């Protein structure tokens, strides 16, 4: 699902307009990757899109991403965070009152379009 959305984003935005880790394998193969990812998510990203579900908080690198999300929301910059829910699994720190795109209802092209629309709303 994530890879398909990334391909759709590349087609509409271009190859370097978004960060998808699989597009940067050689650059990410380095020590202290967590600090680089924190910088990318907190300082270099206009919008952080998290694909959340039951497996999300079990994955180490998703934890790094979510720490950046918490930092962004603590700064009251919530417009920079967008959730795409892949299943009903609980994710600590994501509440029933948090809005999301339900990936079970939309195809990758539609999800990519929602991301593009959201980007256009962020100054």
C-alpha atoms as a PDB file:
ATOM      1  CA  UNK A   1       0.000   0.000   0.000  1.00  0.00           C
ATOM      2  CA  UNK A   2       2.650   2.561   1.018  1.00  0.00           C
ATOM      3  CA  UNK A   3       4.799   1.802  -2.013  1.00  0.00           C
ATOM      4  CA  UNK A   4       1.812   2.178  -4.334  1.00  0.00           C
ATOM      5  CA  UNK A   5       0.946   5.549  -2.794  1.00  0.00           C
ATOM      6  CA  UNK A   6       4.596   6.604  -3.170  1.00  0.00           C
ATOM      7  CA  UNK A   7       4.502   5.744  -6.884  1.00  0.00           C
ATOM      8  CA  UNK A   8       1.357   7.820  -7.295  1.00  0.00           C
ATOM      9  CA  UNK A   9       2.988  10.748  -5.483  1.00  0.00           C
ATOM     10  CA  UNK A  10       6.056  10.480  -7.681  1.00  0.00           C
ATOM     11  CA  UNK A  11       3.872  10.628 -10.780  1.00  0.00           C
ATOM     12  CA  UNK A  12       2.077  13.756  -9.579  1.00  0.00           C
ATOM     13  CA  UNK A  13       4.735  15.607  -7.551  1.00  0.00           C
ATOM     14  CA  UNK A  14       8.030  14.371  -8.980  1.00  0.00           C
ATOM     15  CA  UNK A  15      10.733  12.077  -7.587  1.00  0.00           C
ATOM     16  CA  UNK A  16      12.292  14.414  -5.019  1.00  0.00           C
ATOM     17  CA  UNK A  17       9.166  16.134  -3.727  1.00  0.00           C
ATOM     18  CA  UNK A  18       8.433  13.571  -1.017  1.00  0.00           C
ATOM     19  CA  UNK A  19      10.389  11.318   1.341  1.00  0.00           C
ATOM     20  CA  UNK A  20       9.866   7.568   1.111  1.00  0.00           C
ATOM     21  CA  UNK A  21      12.641   5.565   2.720  1.00  0.00           C
ATOM     22  CA  UNK A  22      12.815   2.951  -0.042  1.00  0.00           C
ATOM     23  CA  UNK A  23      13.768   5.720  -2.483  1.00  0.00           C
ATOM     24  CA  UNK A  24      16.828   6.600  -0.393  1.00  0.00           C
ATOM     25  CA  UNK A  25      18.293   3.224   0.597  1.00  0.00           C
ATOM     26  CA  UNK A  26      21.933   4.175  -0.055  1.00  0.00           C
ATOM     27  CA  UNK A  27      21.662   7.489   1.803  1.00  0.00           C
ATOM     28  CA  UNK A  28      19.967   5.865   4.798  1.00  0.00           C
ATOM     29  CA  UNK A  29      22.561   3.093   5.209  1.00  0.00           C
ATOM     30  CA  UNK A  30      24.541   4.985   7.845  1.00  0.00           C
ATOM     31  CA  UNK A  31      25.203   5.228  11.565  1.00  0.00           C
ATOM     32  CA  UNK A  32      22.882   7.372  13.689  1.00  0.00           C
ATOM     33  CA  UNK A  33      20.055   7.044  11.203  1.00  0.00           C
ATOM     34  CA  UNK A  34      17.569   7.949  13.911  1.00  0.00           C
ATOM     35  CA  UNK A  35      18.923  11.501  14.168  1.00  0.00           C
ATOM     36  CA  UNK A  36      18.799  11.962  10.400  1.00  0.00           C
ATOM     37  CA  UNK A  37      15.202  10.723  10.278  1.00  0.00           C
ATOM     38  CA  UNK A  38      14.225  13.019  13.154  1.00  0.00           C
ATOM     39  CA  UNK A  39      15.685  15.947  11.208  1.00  0.00           C
ATOM     40  CA  UNK A  40      13.870  14.927   8.029  1.00  0.00           C
ATOM     41  CA  UNK A  41      10.518  14.555   9.765  1.00  0.00           C
ATOM     42  CA  UNK A  42      10.762  17.585  12.074  1.00  0.00           C
ATOM     43  CA  UNK A  43      12.634  20.125   9.968  1.00  0.00           C
ATOM     44  CA  UNK A  44      12.588  19.188   6.301  1.00  0.00           C
ATOM     45  CA  UNK A  45       9.051  17.865   5.853  1.00  0.00           C
ATOM     46  CA  UNK A  46       6.093  20.051   5.065  1.00  0.00           C
ATOM     47  CA  UNK A  47       3.715  17.166   5.834  1.00  0.00           C
ATOM     48  CA  UNK A  48       4.313  13.919   7.751  1.00  0.00           C
ATOM     49  CA  UNK A  49       2.037  11.128   6.533  1.00  0.00           C
ATOM     50  CA  UNK A  50       1.961   8.139   8.879  1.00  0.00           C
ATOM     51  CA  UNK A  51       0.417   4.860   7.750  1.00  0.00           C
ATOM     52  CA  UNK A  52      -0.819   3.557  11.089  1.00  0.00           C
ATOM     53  CA  UNK A  53      -2.230   0.261  12.264  1.00  0.00           C
ATOM     54  CA  UNK A  54      -1.559  -2.709  14.527  1.00  0.00           C
ATOM     55  CA  UNK A  55       2.062  -3.131  13.378  1.00  0.00           C
ATOM     56  CA  UNK A  56       2.960   0.558  13.564  1.00  0.00           C
ATOM     57  CA  UNK A  57       4.162   0.798  17.143  1.00  0.00           C
ATOM     58  CA  UNK A  58       5.914  -2.574  16.995  1.00  0.00           C
ATOM     59  CA  UNK A  59       8.333  -1.310  14.337  1.00  0.00           C
ATOM     60  CA  UNK A  60      11.404   0.545  15.604  1.00  0.00           C
ATOM     61  CA  UNK A  61      11.594   3.032  12.734  1.00  0.00           C
ATOM     62  CA  UNK A  62       7.925   3.900  13.056  1.00  0.00           C
ATOM     63  CA  UNK A  63       8.725   4.801  16.661  1.00  0.00           C
ATOM     64  CA  UNK A  64      11.318   7.287  15.430  1.00  0.00           C
ATOM     65  CA  UNK A  65       8.728   8.754  13.066  1.00  0.00           C
ATOM     66  CA  UNK A  66       6.115   8.971  15.812  1.00  0.00           C
ATOM     67  CA  UNK A  67       8.500  10.803  18.157  1.00  0.00           C
ATOM     68  CA  UNK A  68       8.784  13.495  15.486  1.00  0.00           C
ATOM     69  CA  UNK A  69       5.006  13.545  15.092  1.00  0.00           C
ATOM     70  CA  UNK A  70       4.597  14.105  18.836  1.00  0.00           C
ATOM     71  CA  UNK A  71       7.123  16.944  18.694  1.00  0.00           C
ATOM     72  CA  UNK A  72       5.229  18.582  15.821  1.00  0.00           C
ATOM     73  CA  UNK A  73       1.866  18.274  17.574  1.00  0.00           C
ATOM     74  CA  UNK A  74       3.336  19.632  20.828  1.00  0.00           C
ATOM     75  CA  UNK A  75       4.237  22.758  18.850  1.00  0.00           C
ATOM     76  CA  UNK A  76       0.564  23.048  17.827  1.00  0.00           C
ATOM     77  CA  UNK A  77       1.535  22.442  14.213  1.00  0.00           C
ATOM     78  CA  UNK A  78      -0.986  19.633  13.736  1.00  0.00           C
ATOM     79  CA  UNK A  79      -1.715  20.588  10.129  1.00  0.00           C
ATOM     80  CA  UNK A  80       1.676  19.000   9.294  1.00  0.00           C
ATOM     81  CA  UNK A  81       0.485  15.529  10.391  1.00  0.00           C
ATOM     82  CA  UNK A  82      -1.794  13.246   8.383  1.00  0.00           C
ATOM     83  CA  UNK A  83      -2.781   9.726   9.405  1.00  0.00           C
ATOM     84  CA  UNK A  84      -3.654   6.969   6.964  1.00  0.00           C
ATOM     85  CA  UNK A  85      -5.157   4.057   8.876  1.00  0.00           C
ATOM     86  CA  UNK A  86      -4.510   0.600   7.395  1.00  0.00           C
ATOM     87  CA  UNK A  87      -6.421  -1.363  10.062  1.00  0.00           C
ATOM     88  CA  UNK A  88      -8.171  -0.887  13.410  1.00  0.00           C
ATOM     89  CA  UNK A  89      -5.094  -1.692  15.512  1.00  0.00           C
ATOM     90  CA  UNK A  90      -4.464   0.568  18.481  1.00  0.00           C
ATOM     91  CA  UNK A  91      -1.581   3.032  18.286  1.00  0.00           C
ATOM     92  CA  UNK A  92      -0.489   4.701  21.516  1.00  0.00           C
ATOM     93  CA  UNK A  93      -0.882   8.448  21.160  1.00  0.00           C
ATOM     94  CA  UNK A  94      -3.509   8.260  18.396  1.00  0.00           C
ATOM     95  CA  UNK A  95      -6.992   8.807  19.732  1.00  0.00           C
ATOM     96  CA  UNK A  96     -10.531   8.201  18.496  1.00  0.00           C
ATOM     97  CA  UNK A  97     -10.890  11.939  18.059  1.00  0.00           C
ATOM     98  CA  UNK A  98      -7.961  12.074  15.612  1.00  0.00           C
ATOM     99  CA  UNK A  99      -9.019  12.201  11.982  1.00  0.00           C
ATOM    100  CA  UNK A 100      -7.547   9.890   9.381  1.00  0.00           C
ATOM    101  CA  UNK A 101      -7.898   8.600   5.849  1.00  0.00           C
ATOM    102  CA  UNK A 102      -9.170   5.022   5.928  1.00  0.00           C
ATOM    103  CA  UNK A 103      -6.936   3.075   3.529  1.00  0.00           C
ATOM    104  CA  UNK A 104      -9.536   0.298   3.395  1.00  0.00           C
ATOM    105  CA  UNK A 105     -11.975   2.671   1.689  1.00  0.00           C
ATOM    106  CA  UNK A 106      -9.667   4.331  -0.838  1.00  0.00           C
ATOM    107  CA  UNK A 107      -7.196   3.124  -3.436  1.00  0.00           C
ATOM    108  CA  UNK A 108      -3.561   4.310  -3.563  1.00  0.00           C
ATOM    109  CA  UNK A 109      -4.285   6.914  -6.258  1.00  0.00           C
ATOM    110  CA  UNK A 110      -7.039   8.450  -4.128  1.00  0.00           C
ATOM    111  CA  UNK A 111      -4.835   8.469  -1.031  1.00  0.00           C
ATOM    112  CA  UNK A 112      -2.051  10.172  -3.000  1.00  0.00           C
ATOM    113  CA  UNK A 113      -4.589  12.758  -4.165  1.00  0.00           C
ATOM    114  CA  UNK A 114      -5.664  13.421  -0.564  1.00  0.00           C
ATOM    115  CA  UNK A 115      -2.002  13.919   0.383  1.00  0.00           C
ATOM    116  CA  UNK A 116      -1.520  16.325  -2.526  1.00  0.00           C
ATOM    117  CA  UNK A 117      -4.651  18.250  -1.524  1.00  0.00           C
ATOM    118  CA  UNK A 118      -3.468  18.482   2.065  1.00  0.00           C
ATOM    119  CA  UNK A 119      -0.030  19.724   0.961  1.00  0.00           C
ATOM    120  CA  UNK A 120      -1.712  22.532  -0.951  1.00  0.00           C
ATOM    121  CA  UNK A 121      -3.368  23.727   2.274  1.00  0.00           C
ATOM    122  CA  UNK A 122      -0.102  24.069   4.204  1.00  0.00           C
ATOM    123  CA  UNK A 123       1.628  27.443   3.803  1.00  0.00           C
END
